[in-house]
N, C-alpha and C. Protein backbone atom coordinates (compact mmCIF):
# COMPACT_ATOMS: atom_id res chain seq x y z
N MET A 1 -43.54 -31.32 1.03
CA MET A 1 -42.27 -31.05 2.25
C MET A 1 -40.83 -32.10 1.45
N LYS A 2 -41.69 -32.93 0.65
CA LYS A 2 -40.40 -33.87 0.21
C LYS A 2 -39.95 -33.50 -0.84
N LEU A 3 -40.38 -32.56 -1.59
CA LEU A 3 -39.74 -31.90 -2.76
C LEU A 3 -39.08 -30.86 -2.31
N PHE A 4 -39.32 -30.27 -0.94
CA PHE A 4 -38.52 -29.35 -0.46
C PHE A 4 -37.45 -29.86 0.14
N ALA A 5 -38.08 -30.97 0.97
CA ALA A 5 -36.61 -31.34 1.30
C ALA A 5 -35.33 -31.68 0.35
N PHE A 6 -35.72 -32.64 -0.76
CA PHE A 6 -34.93 -32.58 -2.10
C PHE A 6 -34.31 -31.46 -2.24
N CYS A 7 -34.77 -30.36 -2.66
CA CYS A 7 -34.79 -29.46 -3.11
C CYS A 7 -33.71 -28.53 -2.19
N SER A 8 -34.14 -28.76 -1.11
CA SER A 8 -33.00 -28.29 0.27
C SER A 8 -31.86 -29.16 0.08
N SER A 9 -31.79 -30.39 -0.03
CA SER A 9 -30.45 -31.14 0.00
C SER A 9 -29.85 -30.82 -1.43
N VAL A 10 -30.26 -30.31 -2.31
CA VAL A 10 -29.35 -30.38 -3.39
C VAL A 10 -29.29 -28.84 -3.23
N LEU A 11 -29.40 -28.26 -2.82
CA LEU A 11 -28.81 -26.74 -2.61
C LEU A 11 -27.72 -26.62 -1.62
N ILE A 12 -28.03 -27.57 -0.49
CA ILE A 12 -27.23 -27.57 0.36
C ILE A 12 -25.96 -28.17 -0.13
N PHE A 13 -26.17 -29.25 -0.84
CA PHE A 13 -24.54 -29.99 -1.93
C PHE A 13 -24.15 -29.03 -2.49
N ARG A 14 -24.86 -27.78 -3.14
CA ARG A 14 -24.43 -26.91 -4.05
C ARG A 14 -23.52 -25.93 -3.26
N CYS A 15 -24.21 -25.52 -2.28
CA CYS A 15 -23.33 -24.57 -1.23
C CYS A 15 -22.28 -25.11 -0.64
N ALA A 16 -21.88 -26.39 -0.21
CA ALA A 16 -20.82 -27.42 0.21
C ALA A 16 -19.99 -26.84 -0.98
N LEU A 17 -20.24 -27.46 -1.83
CA LEU A 17 -18.95 -27.30 -3.23
C LEU A 17 -18.81 -25.76 -3.60
N ALA A 18 -19.88 -24.87 -3.26
CA ALA A 18 -19.13 -23.26 -3.29
C ALA A 18 -18.32 -23.11 -2.47
N LEU A 19 -18.57 -23.38 -1.18
CA LEU A 19 -17.81 -23.40 -0.14
C LEU A 19 -16.64 -23.80 -0.49
N GLU A 20 -16.32 -24.38 -0.38
CA GLU A 20 -14.93 -25.35 -0.99
C GLU A 20 -14.08 -24.89 -2.28
N GLU A 21 -14.83 -24.55 -3.11
CA GLU A 21 -14.18 -23.54 -4.26
C GLU A 21 -13.50 -22.50 -3.35
N ILE A 22 -14.26 -21.64 -2.45
CA ILE A 22 -13.81 -20.84 -2.32
C ILE A 22 -12.43 -21.07 -1.27
N THR A 23 -12.45 -22.02 -0.39
CA THR A 23 -11.44 -22.63 0.24
C THR A 23 -10.17 -22.44 -0.73
N ILE A 24 -10.44 -23.37 -1.78
CA ILE A 24 -9.37 -23.81 -2.45
C ILE A 24 -8.68 -22.33 -3.14
N SER A 25 -9.98 -21.46 -3.49
CA SER A 25 -9.36 -20.48 -4.47
C SER A 25 -8.27 -19.57 -3.29
N GLU A 26 -9.05 -19.41 -1.87
CA GLU A 26 -8.05 -18.81 -1.54
C GLU A 26 -6.66 -19.54 -0.89
N GLY A 27 -6.63 -20.57 -1.28
CA GLY A 27 -5.33 -21.36 -1.17
C GLY A 27 -4.78 -21.34 -2.18
N MET A 28 -5.33 -21.21 -3.39
CA MET A 28 -4.09 -21.02 -4.92
C MET A 28 -3.58 -19.77 -4.98
N VAL A 29 -4.75 -18.57 -4.28
CA VAL A 29 -3.85 -17.18 -4.89
C VAL A 29 -2.98 -16.82 -3.35
N LYS A 30 -3.49 -17.56 -2.47
CA LYS A 30 -2.08 -17.09 -1.33
C LYS A 30 -0.78 -18.12 -1.60
N ALA A 31 -0.99 -19.20 -2.40
CA ALA A 31 0.31 -19.70 -3.22
C ALA A 31 0.67 -18.90 -4.04
N ALA A 32 -0.23 -18.80 -5.07
CA ALA A 32 0.50 -17.54 -6.20
C ALA A 32 1.03 -16.19 -5.27
N GLN A 33 0.71 -16.00 -4.49
CA GLN A 33 1.40 -14.57 -3.96
C GLN A 33 2.92 -14.93 -3.07
N GLN A 34 2.66 -16.12 -2.85
CA GLN A 34 3.94 -16.52 -2.00
C GLN A 34 5.03 -16.67 -2.96
N GLU A 35 4.77 -17.29 -4.40
CA GLU A 35 5.58 -17.58 -5.69
C GLU A 35 5.88 -16.43 -5.87
N GLU A 36 5.06 -15.49 -6.36
CA GLU A 36 5.41 -14.01 -6.65
C GLU A 36 6.49 -13.33 -6.09
N ASP A 37 6.01 -13.48 -4.46
CA ASP A 37 7.35 -12.72 -3.70
C ASP A 37 8.20 -12.89 -3.41
N GLN A 38 8.56 -14.41 -4.15
CA GLN A 38 9.79 -15.22 -4.07
C GLN A 38 10.73 -14.67 -5.13
N LYS A 39 9.78 -14.78 -6.45
CA LYS A 39 10.51 -14.11 -7.54
C LYS A 39 10.88 -12.86 -7.54
N THR A 40 10.13 -11.99 -7.50
CA THR A 40 10.52 -10.44 -7.05
C THR A 40 11.28 -9.98 -5.97
N HIS A 41 11.37 -10.68 -4.82
CA HIS A 41 12.28 -10.26 -3.70
C HIS A 41 13.35 -9.78 -3.96
N LYS A 42 14.22 -9.98 -4.79
CA LYS A 42 15.54 -9.58 -5.19
C LYS A 42 15.63 -8.60 -5.83
N SER A 43 14.47 -8.10 -6.83
CA SER A 43 14.37 -6.77 -6.82
C SER A 43 14.20 -5.62 -6.32
N THR A 44 12.92 -6.10 -5.51
CA THR A 44 12.47 -5.26 -4.57
C THR A 44 13.12 -4.90 -3.22
N LYS A 45 13.57 -5.73 -3.12
CA LYS A 45 14.13 -5.10 -1.46
C LYS A 45 15.28 -4.09 -1.30
N SER A 46 14.97 -3.23 -0.59
CA SER A 46 15.23 -2.09 -0.34
C SER A 46 16.55 -1.91 1.27
N LYS A 47 17.55 -1.27 1.31
CA LYS A 47 17.85 -1.26 2.77
C LYS A 47 16.91 -0.19 3.58
N CYS A 48 17.23 -1.10 4.85
CA CYS A 48 16.28 0.18 5.84
C CYS A 48 17.19 0.53 6.84
N THR A 49 17.15 1.82 5.99
CA THR A 49 18.24 2.95 6.70
C THR A 49 17.48 3.16 8.16
N PHE A 50 16.49 3.00 8.65
CA PHE A 50 15.96 3.23 10.04
C PHE A 50 16.65 2.10 11.28
N PHE A 51 17.03 1.16 10.64
CA PHE A 51 18.00 0.02 11.21
C PHE A 51 19.41 0.24 10.78
N ALA A 52 20.00 1.42 10.85
CA ALA A 52 21.20 1.78 10.52
C ALA A 52 21.72 1.07 9.37
N GLY A 53 20.55 0.61 8.32
CA GLY A 53 21.44 0.10 7.01
C GLY A 53 22.07 -1.68 7.17
N THR A 54 21.52 -1.80 8.39
CA THR A 54 22.11 -3.66 8.64
C THR A 54 21.11 -4.54 8.62
N ARG A 55 19.70 -3.89 7.83
CA ARG A 55 18.89 -4.78 7.33
C ARG A 55 18.32 -4.32 6.17
N TYR A 56 17.75 -5.49 5.45
CA TYR A 56 17.08 -5.19 4.04
C TYR A 56 15.70 -5.42 4.07
N SER A 57 14.67 -5.21 3.28
CA SER A 57 13.20 -5.68 3.35
C SER A 57 13.27 -7.14 3.11
N VAL A 58 12.60 -7.89 3.60
CA VAL A 58 12.19 -8.88 2.97
C VAL A 58 10.62 -9.13 3.23
N PRO A 59 9.83 -10.37 2.62
CA PRO A 59 8.46 -10.50 3.03
C PRO A 59 8.28 -10.90 4.72
N GLU A 60 7.35 -10.26 5.10
CA GLU A 60 7.17 -11.00 6.33
C GLU A 60 5.67 -11.06 6.64
N SER A 61 5.30 -12.44 6.92
CA SER A 61 4.35 -12.47 6.89
C SER A 61 3.55 -12.33 8.59
N SER A 62 1.96 -12.37 8.66
CA SER A 62 1.80 -11.94 10.22
C SER A 62 1.88 -10.59 10.59
N LEU A 63 2.07 -9.50 10.18
CA LEU A 63 2.06 -8.14 10.55
C LEU A 63 0.78 -7.88 10.63
N VAL A 64 0.16 -8.10 11.54
CA VAL A 64 -1.69 -7.84 11.71
C VAL A 64 -1.87 -6.43 11.63
N ASN A 65 -0.96 -5.30 12.21
CA ASN A 65 -1.04 -4.28 12.40
C ASN A 65 -0.65 -3.42 11.25
N CYS A 66 -0.04 -4.16 10.56
CA CYS A 66 0.74 -3.41 9.22
C CYS A 66 0.63 -4.35 7.99
N TYR A 67 -0.26 -5.08 7.72
CA TYR A 67 -0.60 -6.24 6.96
C TYR A 67 0.07 -5.65 5.62
N TRP A 68 -0.46 -4.40 5.32
CA TRP A 68 0.24 -3.85 3.83
C TRP A 68 1.74 -3.87 3.68
N TYR A 69 2.72 -4.21 4.22
CA TYR A 69 3.67 -4.31 3.80
C TYR A 69 4.33 -6.02 4.23
N ASN A 70 3.43 -6.53 4.18
CA ASN A 70 3.46 -7.87 4.29
C ASN A 70 4.62 -8.49 2.98
N ARG A 71 4.29 -7.86 2.02
CA ARG A 71 5.17 -8.39 1.06
C ARG A 71 6.62 -8.09 0.63
N ASN A 72 6.83 -6.84 1.71
CA ASN A 72 8.10 -6.41 1.77
C ASN A 72 8.20 -5.46 2.55
N ALA A 73 8.67 -6.07 3.74
CA ALA A 73 8.86 -5.29 5.12
C ALA A 73 10.30 -5.16 5.45
N CYS A 74 10.57 -3.89 6.36
CA CYS A 74 11.63 -3.57 6.92
C CYS A 74 11.91 -4.03 8.58
N CYS A 75 10.21 -4.12 9.14
CA CYS A 75 10.01 -4.68 10.40
C CYS A 75 9.85 -6.10 10.30
N LYS A 76 9.74 -6.68 11.75
CA LYS A 76 9.56 -7.76 12.47
C LYS A 76 8.54 -7.67 13.09
N ARG A 77 7.67 -9.20 12.69
CA ARG A 77 6.13 -8.98 13.70
C ARG A 77 6.11 -8.78 15.15
N ILE A 78 7.36 -9.34 15.85
CA ILE A 78 7.49 -9.40 17.19
C ILE A 78 7.86 -7.47 17.48
N GLU A 79 8.43 -6.97 16.52
CA GLU A 79 8.64 -5.47 16.75
C GLU A 79 7.04 -4.42 16.49
N VAL A 80 6.59 -5.12 15.84
CA VAL A 80 5.00 -4.30 15.42
C VAL A 80 4.02 -4.65 16.71
N THR A 81 4.23 -5.86 17.11
CA THR A 81 3.48 -6.33 18.10
C THR A 81 3.90 -5.70 19.74
N SER A 82 4.73 -5.00 19.88
CA SER A 82 5.48 -4.48 21.27
C SER A 82 5.21 -2.64 20.75
N VAL A 83 5.07 -2.05 19.62
CA VAL A 83 4.62 -0.87 19.53
C VAL A 83 2.86 -0.55 20.03
N PHE A 84 2.55 -1.49 18.93
CA PHE A 84 0.69 -1.51 19.30
C PHE A 84 0.06 -1.78 20.27
N SER A 85 1.25 -2.37 21.04
CA SER A 85 0.62 -3.09 22.48
C SER A 85 0.75 -2.01 23.57
N SER A 86 1.99 -1.40 23.36
CA SER A 86 2.23 -0.03 24.14
C SER A 86 1.68 1.40 23.88
N LEU A 87 0.73 1.57 22.66
CA LEU A 87 0.45 3.16 22.02
C LEU A 87 -1.10 2.80 21.60
N LEU A 88 -1.20 2.46 20.61
CA LEU A 88 -3.05 2.45 20.26
C LEU A 88 -3.94 1.83 21.31
N SER A 89 -3.60 0.89 22.41
CA SER A 89 -4.21 0.22 23.35
C SER A 89 -4.71 1.25 24.39
N LYS A 90 -4.04 2.71 24.07
CA LYS A 90 -4.49 3.62 24.89
C LYS A 90 -5.30 4.86 24.41
N LEU A 91 -5.76 4.57 23.06
CA LEU A 91 -6.91 5.55 22.58
C LEU A 91 -8.10 5.19 22.63
N GLU A 92 -8.92 6.35 22.67
CA GLU A 92 -9.75 6.19 22.85
C GLU A 92 -11.16 7.29 22.46
N GLY A 93 -12.28 7.15 21.68
CA GLY A 93 -12.72 7.83 21.17
C GLY A 93 -12.76 8.13 19.79
N GLN A 94 -11.55 7.51 18.92
CA GLN A 94 -11.33 7.89 17.65
C GLN A 94 -12.31 7.49 16.73
N SER A 95 -12.48 8.14 15.58
CA SER A 95 -13.05 7.23 14.37
C SER A 95 -11.89 6.64 13.59
N ARG A 96 -13.14 5.85 12.61
CA ARG A 96 -12.15 4.70 12.18
C ARG A 96 -10.86 5.38 11.48
N ARG A 97 -11.11 6.63 10.44
CA ARG A 97 -9.92 6.79 9.44
C ARG A 97 -9.40 7.72 10.31
N CYS A 98 -9.03 8.14 12.00
CA CYS A 98 -8.08 8.73 12.83
C CYS A 98 -7.57 7.20 13.09
N TYR A 99 -7.69 6.26 13.34
CA TYR A 99 -7.34 5.03 13.65
C TYR A 99 -6.52 4.66 12.70
N ASP A 100 -6.91 4.70 11.52
CA ASP A 100 -6.44 4.47 10.18
C ASP A 100 -5.12 4.77 10.23
N MET A 101 -5.20 6.22 10.08
CA MET A 101 -4.07 6.98 10.30
C MET A 101 -2.98 6.64 11.00
N LEU A 102 -3.42 6.51 12.45
CA LEU A 102 -2.22 6.66 13.20
C LEU A 102 -1.60 5.34 13.25
N ARG A 103 -2.55 3.93 12.67
CA ARG A 103 -1.72 2.74 12.50
C ARG A 103 -0.65 3.01 11.57
N TYR A 104 -1.06 3.83 10.50
CA TYR A 104 -0.30 3.81 9.56
C TYR A 104 1.26 4.69 9.41
N LEU A 105 0.99 5.38 10.29
CA LEU A 105 1.83 6.66 10.87
C LEU A 105 2.85 5.56 11.54
N LEU A 106 2.61 4.83 12.59
CA LEU A 106 3.07 3.80 13.61
C LEU A 106 4.08 2.60 12.56
N CYS A 107 3.53 2.83 11.62
CA CYS A 107 4.02 1.27 10.78
C CYS A 107 5.55 1.87 9.95
N TYR A 108 5.56 3.26 10.17
CA TYR A 108 6.80 3.82 9.38
C TYR A 108 7.88 2.81 8.99
N PHE A 109 8.18 2.40 10.36
CA PHE A 109 9.54 1.35 10.22
C PHE A 109 9.42 0.06 9.35
N CYS A 110 8.25 0.04 9.05
CA CYS A 110 8.16 -1.33 8.38
C CYS A 110 8.00 -1.37 6.85
N SER A 111 8.01 0.15 6.31
CA SER A 111 7.96 0.82 4.71
C SER A 111 9.80 0.03 4.21
N PRO A 112 9.41 -0.20 3.10
CA PRO A 112 10.53 -0.50 2.44
C PRO A 112 11.08 0.51 1.69
N GLU A 113 10.37 1.98 1.63
CA GLU A 113 10.76 2.77 0.94
C GLU A 113 11.08 3.73 1.82
N GLN A 114 11.80 3.70 3.21
CA GLN A 114 12.10 4.33 3.97
C GLN A 114 13.26 5.35 3.92
N HIS A 115 13.92 4.68 3.03
CA HIS A 115 14.92 5.33 2.51
C HIS A 115 15.01 6.84 1.45
N PHE A 116 14.13 6.90 1.48
CA PHE A 116 13.65 8.01 0.99
C PHE A 116 13.38 9.28 1.92
N TRP A 117 12.92 8.90 3.11
CA TRP A 117 12.37 9.86 3.95
C TRP A 117 12.90 10.09 5.54
N PHE A 118 13.85 8.95 5.65
CA PHE A 118 14.56 8.59 6.52
C PHE A 118 15.92 9.21 6.66
N ARG A 119 16.01 10.35 7.30
CA ARG A 119 17.23 11.22 6.89
C ARG A 119 17.86 11.93 8.48
N ASP A 120 19.25 11.82 8.60
CA ASP A 120 19.48 12.72 9.70
C ASP A 120 19.08 11.64 10.90
N ASN A 121 18.84 10.49 11.01
CA ASN A 121 18.14 9.98 11.86
C ASN A 121 16.68 10.57 12.18
N LYS A 122 15.89 10.96 11.36
CA LYS A 122 14.43 11.50 11.53
C LYS A 122 13.80 10.83 10.50
N VAL A 123 12.52 10.62 10.96
CA VAL A 123 11.26 10.43 10.07
C VAL A 123 10.58 11.67 9.91
N PHE A 124 11.06 11.97 8.09
CA PHE A 124 10.21 13.37 7.85
C PHE A 124 8.96 12.75 7.35
N VAL A 125 7.70 13.40 7.99
CA VAL A 125 6.40 13.13 7.67
C VAL A 125 5.79 14.10 7.01
N CYS A 126 5.32 14.04 5.66
CA CYS A 126 4.34 14.88 4.89
C CYS A 126 3.49 15.72 5.55
N LYS A 127 3.15 17.31 5.78
CA LYS A 127 2.90 17.95 6.21
C LYS A 127 1.12 17.63 6.02
N SER A 128 0.84 17.32 4.91
CA SER A 128 -0.54 17.07 4.42
C SER A 128 -1.13 16.07 5.81
N PHE A 129 -0.13 14.96 5.65
CA PHE A 129 -0.63 13.64 6.70
C PHE A 129 -0.73 14.25 8.02
N CYS A 130 0.17 15.19 8.62
CA CYS A 130 0.21 15.70 9.79
C CYS A 130 -1.00 16.37 10.27
N ASP A 131 -1.66 17.11 9.00
CA ASP A 131 -2.61 18.02 9.17
C ASP A 131 -3.81 17.30 8.97
N ASP A 132 -4.12 15.62 8.30
CA ASP A 132 -4.99 15.16 8.37
C ASP A 132 -5.09 14.09 9.80
N ILE A 133 -3.90 13.83 9.97
CA ILE A 133 -4.37 13.17 11.35
C ILE A 133 -4.99 14.05 12.62
N TYR A 134 -4.55 15.23 12.51
CA TYR A 134 -5.05 16.47 13.22
C TYR A 134 -6.43 16.68 12.81
N SER A 135 -6.71 16.57 11.98
CA SER A 135 -8.17 16.78 11.90
C SER A 135 -9.23 15.74 11.91
N HIS A 136 -8.94 14.48 11.44
CA HIS A 136 -9.39 13.43 11.95
C HIS A 136 -9.49 13.25 13.37
N CYS A 137 -8.57 13.05 14.14
CA CYS A 137 -8.02 13.01 15.67
C CYS A 137 -8.63 13.99 16.67
N ARG A 138 -8.53 14.89 16.32
CA ARG A 138 -8.64 16.30 17.28
C ARG A 138 -9.63 15.83 18.47
N SER A 139 -10.70 14.80 18.13
CA SER A 139 -11.36 14.92 19.55
C SER A 139 -11.16 13.51 20.28
N ALA A 140 -9.94 12.82 19.73
CA ALA A 140 -10.10 11.41 20.15
C ALA A 140 -9.28 11.85 21.54
N VAL A 141 -9.14 10.98 22.30
CA VAL A 141 -8.22 10.48 24.01
C VAL A 141 -7.15 10.02 23.74
N MET A 142 -5.81 10.28 24.27
CA MET A 142 -5.06 9.12 24.60
C MET A 142 -4.18 9.53 25.63
N ASN A 143 -4.19 8.57 26.88
CA ASN A 143 -3.45 8.79 28.06
C ASN A 143 -4.49 10.05 28.88
N GLY A 144 -5.73 10.20 28.53
CA GLY A 144 -6.65 11.19 28.91
C GLY A 144 -6.65 12.49 28.47
N LEU A 145 -5.65 12.82 27.53
CA LEU A 145 -5.57 14.12 26.99
C LEU A 145 -6.06 14.21 25.57
N GLU A 146 -7.03 15.17 25.38
CA GLU A 146 -7.66 15.15 23.72
C GLU A 146 -6.91 15.55 22.89
N PHE A 147 -6.83 15.04 21.72
CA PHE A 147 -5.97 15.39 20.74
C PHE A 147 -5.74 16.94 20.65
N GLY A 148 -7.03 17.38 20.60
CA GLY A 148 -7.47 18.95 19.53
C GLY A 148 -6.88 20.14 21.40
N LYS A 149 -6.64 19.22 22.10
CA LYS A 149 -6.19 20.54 23.23
C LYS A 149 -4.74 20.19 23.32
N ALA A 150 -4.56 19.16 23.29
CA ALA A 150 -2.90 18.54 23.68
C ALA A 150 -1.96 19.41 22.52
N PHE A 151 -2.55 19.51 21.25
CA PHE A 151 -1.44 20.17 20.21
C PHE A 151 -2.41 21.29 19.21
N LYS A 152 -1.72 21.92 18.81
CA LYS A 152 -2.23 23.07 18.28
C LYS A 152 -2.91 22.98 17.08
N ASN A 153 -2.07 21.80 16.10
CA ASN A 153 -1.95 21.79 14.68
C ASN A 153 -1.42 20.71 14.15
N GLY A 154 -1.88 20.34 13.34
CA GLY A 154 -0.95 18.76 12.88
C GLY A 154 0.79 18.78 13.07
N GLU A 155 1.21 20.30 12.46
CA GLU A 155 2.25 20.18 12.65
C GLU A 155 3.25 19.81 14.32
N ASP A 156 2.39 20.67 14.95
CA ASP A 156 2.54 20.36 16.45
C ASP A 156 2.43 19.00 17.00
N PHE A 157 1.23 18.32 16.49
CA PHE A 157 1.62 17.14 16.78
C PHE A 157 2.42 15.92 16.52
N CYS A 158 3.05 16.38 15.02
CA CYS A 158 4.15 15.46 14.70
C CYS A 158 5.39 15.35 15.53
N ARG A 159 5.45 17.13 15.31
CA ARG A 159 6.99 17.44 15.82
C ARG A 159 6.73 16.94 17.24
N GLY A 160 5.45 16.85 18.34
CA GLY A 160 5.63 16.46 19.29
C GLY A 160 5.47 15.10 19.99
N ASN A 161 5.77 14.38 18.57
CA ASN A 161 5.83 12.84 18.56
C ASN A 161 6.93 12.31 17.88
N ASN A 162 7.94 13.64 17.80
CA ASN A 162 9.50 13.16 17.57
C ASN A 162 9.49 13.09 15.91
N PHE A 163 8.60 13.52 15.47
CA PHE A 163 8.61 13.26 13.57
C PHE A 163 9.36 14.61 13.25
N ALA A 164 9.98 14.82 12.40
CA ALA A 164 10.18 15.84 11.36
C ALA A 164 8.91 16.06 10.65
N VAL A 165 8.60 17.57 10.21
CA VAL A 165 7.96 17.58 9.14
C VAL A 165 8.06 18.45 8.03
N GLN A 166 7.72 17.62 6.84
CA GLN A 166 8.32 18.22 5.36
C GLN A 166 7.28 18.51 4.51
N GLU A 167 7.28 19.55 3.72
CA GLU A 167 6.24 19.62 2.91
C GLU A 167 6.34 18.82 1.99
N ASP A 168 5.01 19.17 1.32
CA ASP A 168 4.40 17.73 -0.03
C ASP A 168 5.60 17.33 -1.03
N ASN A 169 6.23 18.51 -1.33
CA ASN A 169 6.94 18.94 -2.52
C ASN A 169 8.34 18.11 -2.72
N VAL A 170 8.60 17.35 -1.60
CA VAL A 170 9.89 16.78 -1.04
C VAL A 170 9.72 15.49 -0.35
N ALA A 171 10.73 14.64 -1.09
CA ALA A 171 10.08 13.44 -0.32
C ALA A 171 9.94 13.20 1.44
N CYS A 172 8.83 12.82 1.42
CA CYS A 172 8.18 12.40 3.14
C CYS A 172 7.32 11.25 3.14
N PHE A 173 7.23 10.89 4.25
CA PHE A 173 5.99 9.57 4.76
C PHE A 173 4.59 10.41 4.45
N ALA A 174 4.12 9.65 3.30
CA ALA A 174 2.86 9.96 3.20
C ALA A 174 1.49 9.09 3.50
N PHE A 175 0.37 9.44 3.60
CA PHE A 175 -0.98 8.16 3.99
C PHE A 175 -1.11 7.91 2.37
N ASP A 176 -1.29 6.30 2.54
CA ASP A 176 -2.30 5.91 1.70
C ASP A 176 -3.20 4.96 1.75
N PRO A 177 -4.43 5.70 1.49
CA PRO A 177 -5.75 5.76 2.10
C PRO A 177 -6.09 4.10 1.05
N THR A 178 -5.76 3.84 0.30
CA THR A 178 -6.24 2.82 -0.56
C THR A 178 -5.43 1.51 0.18
N GLN A 179 -4.77 1.14 1.09
CA GLN A 179 -4.24 -0.10 1.85
C GLN A 179 -5.38 0.25 2.89
N PHE A 180 -6.43 0.72 2.91
CA PHE A 180 -7.97 0.59 3.83
C PHE A 180 -9.08 0.34 3.27
N ASP A 181 -8.49 0.25 1.96
CA ASP A 181 -10.19 -0.02 1.34
C ASP A 181 -10.22 -1.13 0.88
N GLY A 182 -11.14 -1.82 1.87
CA GLY A 182 -11.28 -3.28 1.91
C GLY A 182 -12.32 -3.73 0.53
N ALA A 183 -13.43 -2.94 0.03
CA ALA A 183 -14.50 -3.22 -0.77
C ALA A 183 -14.10 -3.70 -1.90
N ALA A 184 -12.71 -3.15 -2.58
CA ALA A 184 -12.38 -3.38 -3.83
C ALA A 184 -11.63 -4.83 -3.75
N SER A 185 -11.18 -5.46 -2.53
CA SER A 185 -10.52 -6.76 -2.37
C SER A 185 -11.48 -7.96 -2.24
N LEU A 186 -12.97 -7.20 -2.11
CA LEU A 186 -14.18 -8.23 -1.64
C LEU A 186 -14.95 -8.49 -3.07
N ARG A 187 -15.08 -7.42 -3.93
CA ARG A 187 -15.88 -7.55 -4.82
C ARG A 187 -15.77 -9.17 -5.69
N PRO A 188 -14.68 -9.33 -5.89
CA PRO A 188 -14.34 -10.85 -6.48
C PRO A 188 -15.19 -12.07 -5.72
N TRP A 189 -15.59 -11.82 -4.46
CA TRP A 189 -15.85 -12.87 -3.96
C TRP A 189 -17.54 -12.76 -3.65
N LEU A 190 -18.04 -11.85 -3.49
CA LEU A 190 -19.37 -11.21 -3.58
C LEU A 190 -20.37 -12.39 -3.59
N PRO A 191 -20.13 -12.82 -5.17
CA PRO A 191 -21.02 -13.98 -5.77
C PRO A 191 -21.03 -15.44 -4.46
N LEU A 192 -19.88 -15.55 -4.17
CA LEU A 192 -19.77 -16.74 -3.27
C LEU A 192 -20.01 -16.33 -2.02
N LEU A 193 -20.00 -15.30 -1.48
CA LEU A 193 -20.23 -15.34 -0.15
C LEU A 193 -21.58 -14.75 -0.12
N LEU A 194 -22.43 -14.38 -0.96
CA LEU A 194 -23.68 -14.69 -0.63
C LEU A 194 -24.68 -15.62 -1.31
N LEU A 195 -24.27 -16.70 -1.84
CA LEU A 195 -24.29 -18.32 -1.88
C LEU A 195 -24.07 -18.46 -0.53
N ALA A 196 -22.99 -18.31 0.19
CA ALA A 196 -22.81 -19.10 1.22
C ALA A 196 -23.74 -18.69 2.60
N ALA A 197 -24.33 -17.11 2.30
CA ALA A 197 -25.48 -16.39 3.24
C ALA A 197 -26.68 -17.51 3.17
N VAL A 198 -26.84 -17.91 1.79
CA VAL A 198 -28.34 -18.77 1.21
C VAL A 198 -28.07 -19.90 1.83
N CYS A 199 -27.11 -20.55 2.07
CA CYS A 199 -27.05 -22.26 2.67
C CYS A 199 -27.00 -22.00 3.79
N ILE A 200 -26.43 -20.87 4.56
CA ILE A 200 -27.04 -20.96 5.91
C ILE A 200 -28.19 -20.66 6.31
N ILE A 201 -29.12 -20.22 5.60
CA ILE A 201 -30.64 -19.80 6.00
C ILE A 201 -31.27 -20.97 5.46
N VAL A 202 -30.76 -21.79 4.43
CA VAL A 202 -31.18 -23.11 4.16
C VAL A 202 -31.15 -24.05 5.12
N VAL A 203 -29.93 -24.17 5.65
CA VAL A 203 -29.59 -24.86 6.60
C VAL A 203 -30.34 -24.94 7.94
N GLN A 204 -30.50 -23.64 8.31
CA GLN A 204 -31.16 -23.33 9.68
C GLN A 204 -32.98 -23.78 9.54
N LEU A 205 -33.24 -23.44 7.80
CA LEU A 205 -34.92 -23.82 7.99
C LEU A 205 -35.29 -25.53 7.64
N THR A 206 -34.46 -25.82 7.45
CA THR A 206 -34.55 -27.56 7.33
C THR A 206 -33.76 -28.32 8.62
N MET A 207 -33.47 -27.54 9.55
CA MET A 207 -33.10 -28.05 11.01
C MET A 207 -34.47 -28.69 11.80
């Protein structure tokens, strides 16, 4: 038992060091990211045409529902919060992909590339994006209406929600599925995360 207790103490100590390393590493990554954002901001800022050209894209932290635009965004956190609290909170029975696609669609006003596809006071969404939303969301329900019954197809869905529909060979707002692929971002941390899990088990055994 003494040997087990000694080994456990050593492992716990190593776990504590590893967890501290995770915290320090995350802090360094965030600091480096912020520094990089500041260096590149001047060259990446774009005119936000949705806001009548009176705004330019800037780094905006805490865009929880549109986090992929944190580094360069045309929107403000309070604007995103307002949109999502009134819309997606009423969505039911949706698949994960459906939810992600609708989130991405609703975040259009955050995109620093909006000057490419916001024309004549309209957001031009790629037809394939509209079709994919309909395909993945047709069984979802919003405000008591099932998507598949409320709309005939993807184009009908987009037009019914005041979006213009554009063929994919012309500039249009397209879905980027890589923004929702969390697996790749976790790979570098897996060894430390596994060690942290072992730490928790050891601590529970020695209590």
